[in-house]
Amino acid sequence: EDLPSAPSGVRSDPLHRVAVELWEAELARAEPGKAQVLSGVLYPLARRSFYQGGALLVVSGLCNSVARPLLLKSAVESISPD
């Protein structure tokens, strides 16, 4: 009772309603007797997170392949006696 309610962005109620609607649309689209595609439900629900994760992976890769070697090079050059 003392706990605050979760923000609307992380509540499962709206997500469940949308998932049910998408699944019903997928069942209507699929041919009878054929397998339904779960990605037709999951991709619209997780599209933003999917692209956000991809962008963060690109940033992480750039940091590992560009920024880290440049920082190591400058650190080595700054401590090496000339």
C-alpha atoms as a PDB file:
ATOM      1  CA  GLU A   1       0.000   0.000   0.000  1.00  0.00           C
ATOM      2  CA  ASP A   2       2.909   2.339   0.660  1.00  0.00           C
ATOM      3  CA  LEU A   3       4.618   1.568  -2.635  1.00  0.00           C
ATOM      4  CA  PRO A   4       4.146   4.041  -5.477  1.00  0.00           C
ATOM      5  CA  SER A   5       2.629   2.743  -8.685  1.00  0.00           C
ATOM      6  CA  ALA A   6       4.849   1.992 -11.629  1.00  0.00           C
ATOM      7  CA  PRO A   7       5.236   4.580 -14.390  1.00  0.00           C
ATOM      8  CA  SER A   8       2.915   4.081 -17.333  1.00  0.00           C
ATOM      9  CA  GLY A   9       5.824   3.218 -19.650  1.00  0.00           C
ATOM     10  CA  VAL A  10       6.649   0.045 -17.736  1.00  0.00           C
ATOM     11  CA  ARG A  11       3.165  -1.180 -16.893  1.00  0.00           C
ATOM     12  CA  SER A  12       2.010  -4.366 -18.575  1.00  0.00           C
ATOM     13  CA  ASP A  13      -1.689  -3.526 -18.947  1.00  0.00           C
ATOM     14  CA  PRO A  14      -1.440  -1.436 -22.142  1.00  0.00           C
ATOM     15  CA  LEU A  15       1.227  -3.759 -23.510  1.00  0.00           C
ATOM     16  CA  HIS A  16      -1.003  -6.785 -23.021  1.00  0.00           C
ATOM     17  CA  ARG A  17      -3.945  -5.141 -24.792  1.00  0.00           C
ATOM     18  CA  VAL A  18      -1.792  -4.229 -27.789  1.00  0.00           C
ATOM     19  CA  ALA A  19      -0.218  -7.706 -27.874  1.00  0.00           C
ATOM     20  CA  VAL A  20      -3.653  -9.362 -27.903  1.00  0.00           C
ATOM     21  CA  GLU A  21      -4.795  -7.108 -30.753  1.00  0.00           C
ATOM     22  CA  LEU A  22      -1.632  -7.813 -32.762  1.00  0.00           C
ATOM     23  CA  TRP A  23      -1.943 -11.562 -32.185  1.00  0.00           C
ATOM     24  CA  GLU A  24      -5.574 -11.557 -33.311  1.00  0.00           C
ATOM     25  CA  ALA A  25      -4.538  -9.670 -36.453  1.00  0.00           C
ATOM     26  CA  GLU A  26      -1.777 -12.243 -37.024  1.00  0.00           C
ATOM     27  CA  LEU A  27      -4.243 -15.116 -36.651  1.00  0.00           C
ATOM     28  CA  ALA A  28      -6.603 -13.463 -39.144  1.00  0.00           C
ATOM     29  CA  ARG A  29      -3.745 -12.886 -41.603  1.00  0.00           C
ATOM     30  CA  ALA A  30      -2.318 -16.427 -41.442  1.00  0.00           C
ATOM     31  CA  GLU A  31      -3.668 -19.186 -43.614  1.00  0.00           C
ATOM     32  CA  PRO A  32      -5.686 -21.882 -41.810  1.00  0.00           C
ATOM     33  CA  GLY A  33      -3.476 -24.743 -40.661  1.00  0.00           C
ATOM     34  CA  LYS A  34      -0.266 -22.777 -41.157  1.00  0.00           C
ATOM     35  CA  ALA A  35       2.038 -21.636 -38.385  1.00  0.00           C
ATOM     36  CA  GLN A  36       1.579 -18.127 -37.085  1.00  0.00           C
ATOM     37  CA  VAL A  37       4.528 -15.776 -36.841  1.00  0.00           C
ATOM     38  CA  LEU A  38       5.255 -14.479 -33.368  1.00  0.00           C
ATOM     39  CA  SER A  39       7.575 -11.786 -34.736  1.00  0.00           C
ATOM     40  CA  GLY A  40       4.493 -10.057 -36.136  1.00  0.00           C
ATOM     41  CA  VAL A  41       3.506  -9.419 -32.531  1.00  0.00           C
ATOM     42  CA  LEU A  42       6.887  -8.891 -30.898  1.00  0.00           C
ATOM     43  CA  TYR A  43       8.502  -6.550 -33.427  1.00  0.00           C
ATOM     44  CA  PRO A  44       5.873  -3.788 -33.243  1.00  0.00           C
ATOM     45  CA  LEU A  45       6.008  -3.959 -29.451  1.00  0.00           C
ATOM     46  CA  ALA A  46       9.807  -3.859 -29.191  1.00  0.00           C
ATOM     47  CA  ARG A  47      10.718  -1.799 -32.270  1.00  0.00           C
ATOM     48  CA  ARG A  48      11.955   1.218 -30.310  1.00  0.00           C
ATOM     49  CA  SER A  49      14.046  -0.887 -27.928  1.00  0.00           C
ATOM     50  CA  PHE A  50      15.449  -2.870 -30.851  1.00  0.00           C
ATOM     51  CA  TYR A  51      16.721   0.227 -32.658  1.00  0.00           C
ATOM     52  CA  GLN A  52      17.885   1.859 -29.438  1.00  0.00           C
ATOM     53  CA  GLY A  53      19.923  -1.252 -28.615  1.00  0.00           C
ATOM     54  CA  GLY A  54      21.418  -1.259 -32.104  1.00  0.00           C
ATOM     55  CA  ALA A  55      22.447   2.379 -31.777  1.00  0.00           C
ATOM     56  CA  LEU A  56      24.056   1.699 -28.411  1.00  0.00           C
ATOM     57  CA  LEU A  57      25.948  -1.239 -29.911  1.00  0.00           C
ATOM     58  CA  VAL A  58      27.318   1.044 -32.632  1.00  0.00           C
ATOM     59  CA  VAL A  59      28.419   3.611 -30.040  1.00  0.00           C
ATOM     60  CA  SER A  60      30.018   0.871 -27.946  1.00  0.00           C
ATOM     61  CA  GLY A  61      31.870  -0.470 -30.985  1.00  0.00           C
ATOM     62  CA  LEU A  62      33.155   2.985 -31.884  1.00  0.00           C
ATOM     63  CA  CYS A  63      34.365   3.534 -28.335  1.00  0.00           C
ATOM     64  CA  ASN A  64      36.174   0.197 -28.333  1.00  0.00           C
ATOM     65  CA  SER A  65      37.718   0.531 -31.782  1.00  0.00           C
ATOM     66  CA  VAL A  66      38.467   4.262 -31.976  1.00  0.00           C
ATOM     67  CA  ALA A  67      38.424   6.006 -28.612  1.00  0.00           C
ATOM     68  CA  ARG A  68      40.257   3.374 -26.571  1.00  0.00           C
ATOM     69  CA  PRO A  69      43.295   3.080 -28.889  1.00  0.00           C
ATOM     70  CA  LEU A  70      43.559   6.876 -29.145  1.00  0.00           C
ATOM     71  CA  LEU A  71      43.420   7.252 -25.369  1.00  0.00           C
ATOM     72  CA  LEU A  72      46.024   4.510 -24.889  1.00  0.00           C
ATOM     73  CA  LYS A  73      48.282   6.131 -27.484  1.00  0.00           C
ATOM     74  CA  SER A  74      48.060   9.525 -25.790  1.00  0.00           C
ATOM     75  CA  ALA A  75      48.671   7.948 -22.363  1.00  0.00           C
ATOM     76  CA  VAL A  76      51.755   6.122 -23.617  1.00  0.00           C
ATOM     77  CA  GLU A  77      53.066   9.257 -25.339  1.00  0.00           C
ATOM     78  CA  SER A  78      52.533  11.358 -22.214  1.00  0.00           C
ATOM     79  CA  ILE A  79      54.518   9.031 -19.930  1.00  0.00           C
ATOM     80  CA  SER A  80      57.297   8.142 -22.345  1.00  0.00           C
ATOM     81  CA  PRO A  81      60.450  10.225 -21.904  1.00  0.00           C
ATOM     82  CA  ASP A  82      61.447  12.122 -25.006  1.00  0.00           C
END
